[in-house]
Structures are given as C-alpha cells and as structure tokens.
N, C-alpha and C. Protein backbone atom coordinates (compact mmCIF):
# COMPACT_ATOMS: atom_id res chain seq x y z
N MET A 1 23.81 1.81 -36.01
CA MET A 1 23.79 2.98 -36.18
C MET A 1 24.96 3.15 -37.87
N TYR A 2 24.55 4.51 -38.10
CA TYR A 2 25.08 4.39 -39.47
C TYR A 2 25.86 5.45 -39.65
N ALA A 3 26.35 6.01 -40.85
CA ALA A 3 27.70 6.95 -40.90
C ALA A 3 27.61 7.21 -42.67
N PHE A 4 27.25 8.21 -43.04
CA PHE A 4 26.84 8.32 -44.45
C PHE A 4 27.89 9.50 -45.03
N VAL A 5 28.90 9.12 -45.81
CA VAL A 5 30.06 9.46 -46.39
C VAL A 5 29.80 10.18 -47.75
N SER A 6 29.89 11.30 -48.37
CA SER A 6 29.78 11.90 -49.58
C SER A 6 31.23 11.84 -49.88
N LEU A 7 31.37 11.32 -51.47
CA LEU A 7 32.70 11.02 -52.20
C LEU A 7 32.82 12.35 -52.99
N GLU A 8 33.25 13.41 -52.77
CA GLU A 8 33.36 14.72 -53.81
C GLU A 8 34.39 14.01 -55.14
N ARG A 9 35.13 13.50 -55.11
CA ARG A 9 35.88 13.14 -56.11
C ARG A 9 35.29 11.90 -57.20
N ILE A 10 35.44 11.16 -56.70
CA ILE A 10 34.40 9.73 -57.35
C ILE A 10 33.00 9.77 -57.46
N GLY A 11 32.54 10.65 -56.78
CA GLY A 11 30.91 10.80 -56.37
C GLY A 11 30.27 9.50 -55.88
N GLY A 12 28.88 9.98 -55.50
CA GLY A 12 28.27 8.93 -54.66
C GLY A 12 28.00 8.85 -53.06
N VAL A 13 27.64 8.28 -52.67
CA VAL A 13 27.99 7.82 -50.86
C VAL A 13 27.89 6.71 -50.83
N ALA A 14 29.20 6.70 -49.49
CA ALA A 14 29.27 5.63 -48.73
C ALA A 14 28.46 5.28 -47.70
N VAL A 15 27.93 4.05 -47.33
CA VAL A 15 27.40 3.66 -46.01
C VAL A 15 28.14 2.44 -45.14
N PHE A 16 28.28 3.23 -44.20
CA PHE A 16 28.94 2.71 -42.86
C PHE A 16 28.62 1.93 -42.08
N ASN A 17 28.41 0.72 -41.27
CA ASN A 17 27.80 0.51 -40.21
C ASN A 17 28.90 1.05 -39.00
N VAL A 18 28.66 1.89 -38.00
CA VAL A 18 29.76 1.97 -37.38
C VAL A 18 28.99 1.53 -35.44
N ASN A 19 28.27 0.86 -35.31
CA ASN A 19 28.12 0.27 -34.24
C ASN A 19 29.34 0.23 -33.23
N ASP A 20 29.99 -0.24 -34.08
CA ASP A 20 31.53 -0.70 -33.18
C ASP A 20 32.68 0.11 -33.94
N PRO A 21 32.28 1.82 -33.35
CA PRO A 21 33.06 2.79 -34.13
C PRO A 21 34.89 2.45 -34.43
N ALA A 22 35.35 1.42 -33.55
CA ALA A 22 37.09 0.94 -33.73
C ALA A 22 36.79 0.22 -34.89
N GLN A 23 35.88 -0.58 -35.57
CA GLN A 23 35.33 -1.34 -36.32
C GLN A 23 34.86 -0.96 -37.40
N PRO A 24 34.86 0.15 -38.13
CA PRO A 24 33.23 0.57 -39.13
C PRO A 24 33.14 -0.43 -40.29
N ARG A 25 32.14 -1.06 -40.44
CA ARG A 25 32.18 -2.09 -41.62
C ARG A 25 31.38 -0.95 -43.40
N LEU A 26 31.93 -1.33 -44.32
CA LEU A 26 31.18 -0.95 -45.42
C LEU A 26 29.87 -1.69 -45.75
N VAL A 27 28.71 -0.96 -45.61
CA VAL A 27 27.17 -1.68 -45.79
C VAL A 27 27.15 -1.69 -47.15
N GLU A 28 27.14 -0.32 -48.26
CA GLU A 28 26.65 0.08 -49.81
C GLU A 28 27.63 0.90 -50.26
N TYR A 29 28.31 0.86 -51.21
CA TYR A 29 28.03 2.30 -52.30
C TYR A 29 27.49 2.83 -53.09
N ILE A 30 27.44 3.53 -53.55
CA ILE A 30 25.66 4.50 -54.70
C ILE A 30 26.95 5.33 -55.18
N ASN A 31 26.95 5.33 -56.37
CA ASN A 31 26.95 5.95 -57.43
C ASN A 31 26.64 6.07 -59.04
N ASN A 32 25.84 7.05 -59.08
CA ASN A 32 25.21 6.99 -60.51
C ASN A 32 25.61 7.92 -61.49
N ARG A 33 26.95 8.00 -61.03
CA ARG A 33 27.95 9.13 -61.91
C ARG A 33 28.73 8.12 -63.51
N SER A 34 28.12 8.17 -64.53
CA SER A 34 28.71 7.53 -65.67
C SER A 34 30.16 8.56 -65.91
N THR A 35 31.17 7.53 -66.01
CA THR A 35 32.51 8.28 -66.19
C THR A 35 32.66 8.03 -67.75
N THR A 36 31.84 7.57 -68.46
CA THR A 36 32.18 7.70 -70.11
C THR A 36 31.41 8.87 -70.78
N ALA A 37 29.97 8.95 -70.25
CA ALA A 37 28.64 9.82 -70.76
C ALA A 37 28.66 10.70 -69.84
N GLY A 38 29.56 11.15 -68.88
CA GLY A 38 29.69 12.86 -68.33
C GLY A 38 28.29 12.64 -67.49
N THR A 39 27.03 11.90 -67.45
CA THR A 39 26.34 12.35 -67.00
C THR A 39 25.61 11.51 -65.43
N GLY A 40 24.67 11.98 -64.82
CA GLY A 40 24.65 11.41 -63.23
C GLY A 40 25.11 12.61 -62.49
N ASP A 41 24.98 12.35 -60.97
CA ASP A 41 25.58 13.14 -60.39
C ASP A 41 27.02 13.06 -59.85
N GLN A 42 27.20 14.61 -60.00
CA GLN A 42 29.29 14.14 -60.04
C GLN A 42 29.38 15.35 -58.81
N GLY A 43 29.99 15.49 -58.11
CA GLY A 43 30.79 16.22 -57.25
C GLY A 43 30.09 16.12 -55.58
N PRO A 44 29.28 15.30 -55.06
CA PRO A 44 28.62 15.96 -54.09
C PRO A 44 29.47 16.46 -53.11
N GLU A 45 28.81 17.39 -52.90
CA GLU A 45 29.61 18.66 -51.51
C GLU A 45 29.06 18.93 -50.60
N GLY A 46 27.13 18.90 -50.53
CA GLY A 46 26.77 18.59 -49.22
C GLY A 46 25.69 17.58 -49.32
N ILE A 47 25.43 16.78 -47.52
CA ILE A 47 25.14 15.90 -47.33
C ILE A 47 23.71 15.80 -46.40
N VAL A 48 22.75 15.69 -46.24
CA VAL A 48 22.06 16.03 -45.32
C VAL A 48 20.96 14.77 -44.54
N PHE A 49 20.64 14.22 -43.79
CA PHE A 49 20.34 12.82 -43.27
C PHE A 49 18.99 13.57 -43.09
N VAL A 50 17.70 12.70 -43.59
CA VAL A 50 16.24 13.06 -42.95
C VAL A 50 15.85 12.00 -42.30
N SER A 51 15.37 12.06 -40.84
CA SER A 51 14.90 11.03 -40.20
C SER A 51 13.67 11.01 -40.89
N ALA A 52 13.13 9.49 -40.51
CA ALA A 52 11.56 9.16 -41.07
C ALA A 52 10.81 9.55 -40.29
N THR A 53 10.70 10.84 -39.27
CA THR A 53 9.73 10.92 -39.15
C THR A 53 9.61 12.67 -39.37
N ASN A 54 10.95 13.43 -39.93
CA ASN A 54 10.66 14.36 -40.65
C ASN A 54 10.76 14.29 -42.44
N SER A 55 10.29 12.76 -42.64
CA SER A 55 10.78 12.74 -44.49
C SER A 55 8.94 13.04 -44.65
N PRO A 56 8.49 13.44 -45.72
CA PRO A 56 7.77 13.69 -46.33
C PRO A 56 6.66 12.12 -46.66
N THR A 57 8.00 11.09 -47.00
CA THR A 57 7.63 10.03 -47.46
C THR A 57 7.69 8.81 -46.09
N ARG A 58 7.81 9.11 -44.76
CA ARG A 58 7.77 8.62 -44.05
C ARG A 58 9.45 7.83 -43.76
N GLN A 59 9.91 7.42 -44.70
CA GLN A 59 11.21 6.85 -44.94
C GLN A 59 12.44 7.82 -44.53
N PRO A 60 13.60 7.41 -43.72
CA PRO A 60 14.43 7.94 -43.90
C PRO A 60 15.42 8.23 -45.22
N LEU A 61 15.73 9.51 -45.29
CA LEU A 61 16.46 9.80 -46.60
C LEU A 61 17.69 10.71 -46.70
N VAL A 62 18.85 10.46 -47.55
CA VAL A 62 20.35 10.98 -47.66
C VAL A 62 19.80 11.86 -48.82
N ILE A 63 20.16 12.89 -48.76
CA ILE A 63 20.01 13.83 -49.98
C ILE A 63 21.28 14.72 -50.08
N LEU A 64 21.93 14.33 -51.12
CA LEU A 64 23.11 14.69 -51.75
C LEU A 64 23.12 15.98 -52.48
N ALA A 65 23.75 17.56 -52.03
CA ALA A 65 23.87 17.86 -53.48
C ALA A 65 24.99 18.33 -53.87
N ASN A 66 24.84 18.18 -54.98
CA ASN A 66 26.26 17.80 -56.27
C ASN A 66 26.70 18.93 -57.14
N GLU A 67 27.98 19.65 -56.69
CA GLU A 67 28.39 20.46 -57.08
C GLU A 67 28.88 20.53 -58.80
N VAL A 68 29.25 19.96 -58.95
CA VAL A 68 30.12 19.64 -60.64
C VAL A 68 28.66 19.74 -61.44
N SER A 69 28.04 18.35 -61.12
CA SER A 69 26.17 18.63 -62.30
C SER A 69 25.45 19.33 -61.64
N SER A 70 25.28 20.40 -60.64
CA SER A 70 24.36 21.29 -60.49
C SER A 70 22.86 19.72 -59.78
N THR A 71 23.05 19.16 -59.46
CA THR A 71 22.00 18.27 -59.29
C THR A 71 21.84 18.21 -57.54
N VAL A 72 20.73 17.30 -57.23
CA VAL A 72 20.48 16.94 -56.16
C VAL A 72 19.87 15.93 -56.23
N ALA A 73 20.28 14.59 -55.26
CA ALA A 73 20.09 13.10 -55.28
C ALA A 73 19.58 12.84 -54.20
N VAL A 74 18.56 12.41 -54.04
CA VAL A 74 17.63 12.31 -52.82
C VAL A 74 17.73 10.24 -52.79
N TYR A 75 18.07 9.91 -51.94
CA TYR A 75 18.17 8.46 -51.61
C TYR A 75 17.00 7.89 -50.58
N GLY A 76 16.33 6.93 -50.71
CA GLY A 76 15.88 6.27 -49.54
C GLY A 76 16.32 5.27 -48.80
N VAL A 77 16.41 5.44 -47.38
CA VAL A 77 17.41 4.50 -46.88
C VAL A 77 16.09 3.33 -46.54
N GLN A 78 16.59 1.72 -46.68
CA GLN A 78 15.48 0.99 -46.31
C GLN A 78 16.43 0.53 -45.28
N LEU A 79 15.84 -0.03 -44.21
CA LEU A 79 16.21 -0.67 -43.40
C LEU A 79 16.32 -2.44 -43.68
N ARG A 80 17.68 -3.41 -43.77
CA ARG A 80 17.62 -4.62 -43.90
C ARG A 80 17.68 -5.33 -42.17
N GLY A 81 17.29 -6.49 -42.17
CA GLY A 81 16.69 -7.29 -40.89
C GLY A 81 16.24 -6.96 -39.73
N PRO A 82 16.34 -6.84 -38.80
CA PRO A 82 15.17 -6.40 -37.29
C PRO A 82 16.07 -5.25 -37.31
N VAL A 83 15.31 -4.30 -36.51
CA VAL A 83 15.95 -3.30 -35.84
C VAL A 83 16.07 -2.95 -34.14
N THR A 84 17.00 -3.15 -33.33
CA THR A 84 16.64 -2.86 -32.03
C THR A 84 17.13 -1.37 -31.47
N ALA A 85 16.38 -0.99 -30.78
CA ALA A 85 16.42 0.08 -30.00
C ALA A 85 17.51 0.09 -29.04
N THR A 86 18.40 1.26 -29.37
CA THR A 86 19.97 1.00 -28.75
C THR A 86 19.58 2.42 -27.25
N THR A 87 18.56 2.96 -28.04
CA THR A 87 17.92 4.29 -26.65
C THR A 87 16.87 4.18 -26.10
N THR A 88 16.59 4.61 -25.19
CA THR A 88 14.63 4.67 -25.07
C THR A 88 14.04 5.67 -25.69
N ALA A 89 13.14 5.32 -26.08
CA ALA A 89 12.13 6.06 -26.77
C ALA A 89 11.87 7.64 -26.53
N GLN A 90 12.16 8.71 -27.33
CA GLN A 90 11.85 9.54 -26.64
C GLN A 90 10.36 10.55 -27.72
N THR A 91 9.68 11.27 -27.40
CA THR A 91 8.98 12.25 -27.44
C THR A 91 9.75 13.05 -28.63
N ALA A 92 8.88 13.51 -29.66
CA ALA A 92 9.49 14.41 -30.62
C ALA A 92 10.00 15.73 -29.79
N ALA A 93 10.91 16.34 -30.14
CA ALA A 93 11.61 18.09 -29.04
C ALA A 93 10.30 19.11 -29.98
N GLN A 94 9.68 19.43 -29.47
CA GLN A 94 9.34 21.51 -29.58
C GLN A 94 10.40 21.72 -30.11
N PRO A 95 9.54 22.37 -31.44
CA PRO A 95 10.28 23.49 -32.31
C PRO A 95 11.06 24.10 -31.48
N LEU A 96 12.36 24.73 -32.24
CA LEU A 96 12.90 25.90 -31.14
C LEU A 96 13.18 26.65 -32.43
N PHE A 97 12.99 28.63 -32.04
CA PHE A 97 13.27 29.40 -32.69
C PHE A 97 14.37 30.36 -32.18
N ALA A 98 14.66 31.33 -33.26
CA ALA A 98 15.51 32.37 -32.44
C ALA A 98 15.37 33.48 -33.05
N TYR A 99 15.43 35.01 -32.32
CA TYR A 99 15.15 35.68 -33.04
C TYR A 99 15.81 37.03 -32.14
N PRO A 100 16.05 38.17 -33.00
CA PRO A 100 16.62 37.98 -34.39
C PRO A 100 17.67 37.37 -35.07
N ASN A 101 17.63 36.74 -35.66
CA ASN A 101 18.69 35.71 -36.50
C ASN A 101 18.62 36.10 -37.62
N PRO A 102 19.36 36.63 -38.98
CA PRO A 102 20.65 36.74 -38.33
C PRO A 102 20.87 38.14 -37.06
N THR A 103 21.70 38.13 -36.36
CA THR A 103 21.63 39.35 -35.26
C THR A 103 23.23 39.83 -35.46
N THR A 104 23.26 40.91 -34.95
CA THR A 104 24.65 41.28 -34.97
C THR A 104 25.29 41.57 -33.66
N GLY A 105 24.68 41.24 -32.27
CA GLY A 105 24.67 41.27 -31.26
C GLY A 105 24.05 41.15 -30.43
N GLY A 106 24.36 40.94 -29.09
CA GLY A 106 23.07 41.35 -27.71
C GLY A 106 22.60 39.91 -27.86
N ALA A 107 21.55 40.26 -27.02
CA ALA A 107 20.80 38.96 -26.68
C ALA A 107 19.92 38.53 -27.83
N VAL A 108 19.56 37.46 -27.87
CA VAL A 108 18.67 36.63 -29.01
C VAL A 108 18.09 35.83 -28.25
N GLN A 109 16.67 36.10 -28.51
CA GLN A 109 15.42 35.63 -27.86
C GLN A 109 15.06 34.07 -28.45
N LEU A 110 14.68 33.47 -27.46
CA LEU A 110 14.96 32.05 -27.70
C LEU A 110 13.23 31.88 -27.41
N SER A 111 12.71 31.35 -28.60
CA SER A 111 10.79 30.76 -28.39
C SER A 111 10.39 29.64 -27.37
N ARG A 112 11.72 29.21 -26.59
CA ARG A 112 11.05 28.74 -25.06
C ARG A 112 12.32 28.23 -24.48
N PRO A 113 11.96 28.30 -23.21
CA PRO A 113 13.24 27.97 -22.07
C PRO A 113 14.38 26.54 -22.69
N VAL A 114 15.30 26.73 -22.78
CA VAL A 114 16.22 25.86 -23.05
C VAL A 114 17.25 25.57 -21.99
N THR A 115 17.72 24.02 -21.89
CA THR A 115 18.91 23.58 -21.33
C THR A 115 19.35 23.09 -22.14
N GLY A 116 20.67 23.56 -22.52
CA GLY A 116 21.69 22.69 -23.64
C GLY A 116 22.88 23.58 -23.69
N THR A 117 23.59 23.79 -24.62
CA THR A 117 24.89 24.36 -24.73
C THR A 117 24.50 25.43 -26.51
N LEU A 118 25.20 26.29 -26.04
CA LEU A 118 25.74 27.07 -27.47
C LEU A 118 26.75 26.67 -27.86
N SER A 119 27.21 25.98 -29.04
CA SER A 119 28.63 25.86 -29.68
C SER A 119 28.74 26.65 -31.36
N ASP A 120 30.35 26.27 -31.61
CA ASP A 120 30.32 26.85 -32.47
C ASP A 120 30.21 25.59 -33.55
N VAL A 121 30.44 26.51 -34.98
CA VAL A 121 30.59 25.72 -36.28
C VAL A 121 31.47 24.53 -36.24
N LEU A 122 32.35 24.52 -34.97
CA LEU A 122 32.95 22.99 -35.01
C LEU A 122 32.75 22.04 -34.14
N GLY A 123 31.59 22.71 -33.61
CA GLY A 123 30.77 21.20 -32.44
C GLY A 123 31.81 21.92 -31.13
N ARG A 124 32.39 22.97 -30.97
CA ARG A 124 33.07 22.87 -29.48
C ARG A 124 32.25 23.97 -28.84
N PRO A 125 31.94 23.44 -27.61
CA PRO A 125 30.66 24.34 -26.52
C PRO A 125 31.41 25.55 -26.21
N VAL A 126 30.38 26.53 -26.55
CA VAL A 126 31.19 27.62 -26.25
C VAL A 126 30.10 28.42 -24.87
N ARG A 127 28.70 28.36 -24.46
CA ARG A 127 28.54 28.57 -23.31
C ARG A 127 27.37 27.44 -22.88
N GLU A 128 27.45 27.17 -22.25
CA GLU A 128 26.22 25.83 -21.46
C GLU A 128 24.87 27.38 -20.93
N LEU A 129 24.11 26.56 -21.30
CA LEU A 129 22.47 27.24 -20.88
C LEU A 129 21.78 26.54 -19.93
N ARG A 130 21.32 27.09 -19.27
CA ARG A 130 20.36 26.54 -18.22
C ARG A 130 18.89 27.27 -17.94
N GLN A 131 17.63 26.78 -18.98
CA GLN A 131 16.41 27.22 -18.69
C GLN A 131 16.46 28.70 -19.38
N ALA A 132 17.60 28.81 -20.37
CA ALA A 132 17.71 30.23 -20.74
C ALA A 132 16.80 30.10 -21.83
N SER A 133 15.83 31.40 -21.89
CA SER A 133 15.05 32.07 -22.85
C SER A 133 15.87 33.34 -23.69
N ALA A 134 16.89 33.79 -23.37
CA ALA A 134 17.63 34.14 -24.45
C ALA A 134 19.16 34.00 -24.25
N VAL A 135 19.92 34.38 -25.69
CA VAL A 135 21.39 33.49 -25.42
C VAL A 135 22.24 34.96 -25.88
N GLU A 136 23.16 35.09 -24.90
CA GLU A 136 23.71 36.76 -25.01
C GLU A 136 25.31 36.46 -26.32
N THR A 137 25.05 37.21 -26.88
CA THR A 137 26.00 36.66 -27.85
C THR A 137 27.08 37.96 -27.97
N THR A 138 27.22 38.68 -27.16
CA THR A 138 27.98 39.60 -26.80
C THR A 138 29.28 39.16 -26.47
N GLY A 139 30.48 39.30 -27.53
CA GLY A 139 31.91 39.07 -26.81
C GLY A 139 32.25 37.95 -28.11
N LEU A 140 31.17 37.26 -28.70
CA LEU A 140 31.61 36.17 -29.83
C LEU A 140 32.01 36.45 -31.35
N THR A 141 32.46 35.68 -31.56
CA THR A 141 33.13 36.23 -33.34
C THR A 141 31.97 36.28 -33.99
N PRO A 142 32.19 36.78 -35.11
CA PRO A 142 30.94 36.49 -35.99
C PRO A 142 31.24 34.97 -36.50
N GLY A 143 29.88 34.62 -37.00
CA GLY A 143 29.62 33.19 -37.23
C GLY A 143 28.61 32.58 -37.52
N LEU A 144 28.91 31.06 -37.73
CA LEU A 144 27.79 29.98 -37.46
C LEU A 144 27.88 29.64 -35.93
N TYR A 145 26.73 29.66 -35.03
CA TYR A 145 26.74 29.11 -33.98
C TYR A 145 25.30 28.04 -34.14
N VAL A 146 25.29 27.17 -33.02
CA VAL A 146 24.27 26.04 -32.83
C VAL A 146 23.83 25.98 -31.50
N VAL A 147 22.53 26.14 -31.27
CA VAL A 147 21.75 26.11 -30.22
C VAL A 147 21.45 24.77 -29.92
N ARG A 148 21.94 23.84 -29.05
CA ARG A 148 21.24 22.45 -28.89
C ARG A 148 20.72 22.30 -27.70
N ALA A 149 19.29 21.96 -27.60
CA ALA A 149 18.67 21.70 -26.06
C ALA A 149 18.73 20.61 -25.90
N GLN A 150 18.28 20.05 -24.49
CA GLN A 150 19.04 18.51 -24.42
C GLN A 150 17.75 17.64 -24.86
N ASP A 151 16.70 18.11 -24.95
CA ASP A 151 15.61 17.57 -26.33
C ASP A 151 15.75 17.21 -27.23
N GLY A 152 17.12 17.16 -27.91
CA GLY A 152 17.38 17.12 -29.32
C GLY A 152 17.01 18.52 -30.34
N ALA A 153 16.38 19.52 -29.96
CA ALA A 153 16.38 20.11 -30.25
C ALA A 153 17.55 21.70 -30.97
N THR A 154 17.63 21.79 -31.97
CA THR A 154 18.71 22.27 -32.59
C THR A 154 18.19 23.68 -33.73
N ILE A 155 18.85 25.05 -33.58
CA ILE A 155 18.70 25.96 -34.22
C ILE A 155 20.04 26.77 -33.99
N LYS A 156 20.25 27.23 -35.82
CA LYS A 156 21.25 27.56 -36.38
C LYS A 156 21.50 28.99 -35.89
N LEU A 157 21.91 29.83 -35.22
CA LEU A 157 22.33 30.74 -35.11
C LEU A 157 23.58 31.99 -35.66
N VAL A 158 23.22 32.64 -36.66
CA VAL A 158 24.16 33.40 -37.57
C VAL A 158 24.18 34.87 -36.93
N LEU A 159 25.57 34.73 -36.66
CA LEU A 159 26.36 36.23 -35.73
C LEU A 159 27.37 37.02 -36.53
N ARG A 160 26.64 38.16 -36.70
CA ARG A 160 27.43 39.04 -38.31
C ARG A 160 28.36 39.77 -37.53
C-alpha cells in the first residue's frame, strides 16, 4: 500500500510505503523543479492516482496539477519486486451516474440501484443507501457530496 503526497512549497511528490501505518517509510521523492533556472513543475496543488485498469497505458499513473508553473506532470508508477495480493480479486465496478447533477435539491436519480453511503466532501457519512435508485438531497447543505457504492463505484454529486 502506497501513499502519494504532493509537496506544494518545495515541489514534487513523495511516495510512502504505508503497509504499516504506524511506521510509514519514504520510498522515493521526485522533483523536476529547478531552483536556479526557475523551470520545471512548480507548486503541485492537485494530485490524482489512476489505477492500471483505468490508465490508457495500462500502467498506474500519478498526475500532478502544478499551480505556479501552470503545468501537468504525469508519472508512471513502476512496481519493484513481487506484488502480493492483500484482498481478494474483484471485478470492475459497473459505472455509476447521477442526474440531474449538479442539482438544486430534491431527488437525484442513480443509473442503477446502489447500496453504500452518501458522504460530504470531508468523507463524513451523511446517508446510508440500501438498493437506492435515487438519493434524496432535501435538507442537505449546498456543496460537494460523494456517493460510494459497496462495489467500489463512486460519483460526485454537486448540490447548489
């Protein structure tokens, strides 16, 4: 299990092995910023991990959006050594869609029945879903929510 941490001030990304969360281990630090020439990727703000199954190259990717240099850095993740499975293999989750999205309130229809949770942007569960074909948003504060199905599918829901 790895954690990828973008470092906004000094730039780059740090890769930590977090198999033992109480003792994370730095595996690699990558930074192509030049402090003398002022070139390279500067100020990574956003970070996205793309799994091998969702990658166009079939290789896991880490994507950094750099605020200061207005660049996007794409790093391929190469595994070193043997890989052991820590969970049982799962089939890919069926895509999940919500409409209308964004919404101003009321019921938001889901593209398929979902058992899972509706969470706020901080990951706090707001509602439990049990074979729900729709999510009721009445009474929720405007903002960003995430519908997370038990099979791993997720969809962001914007409430205005």
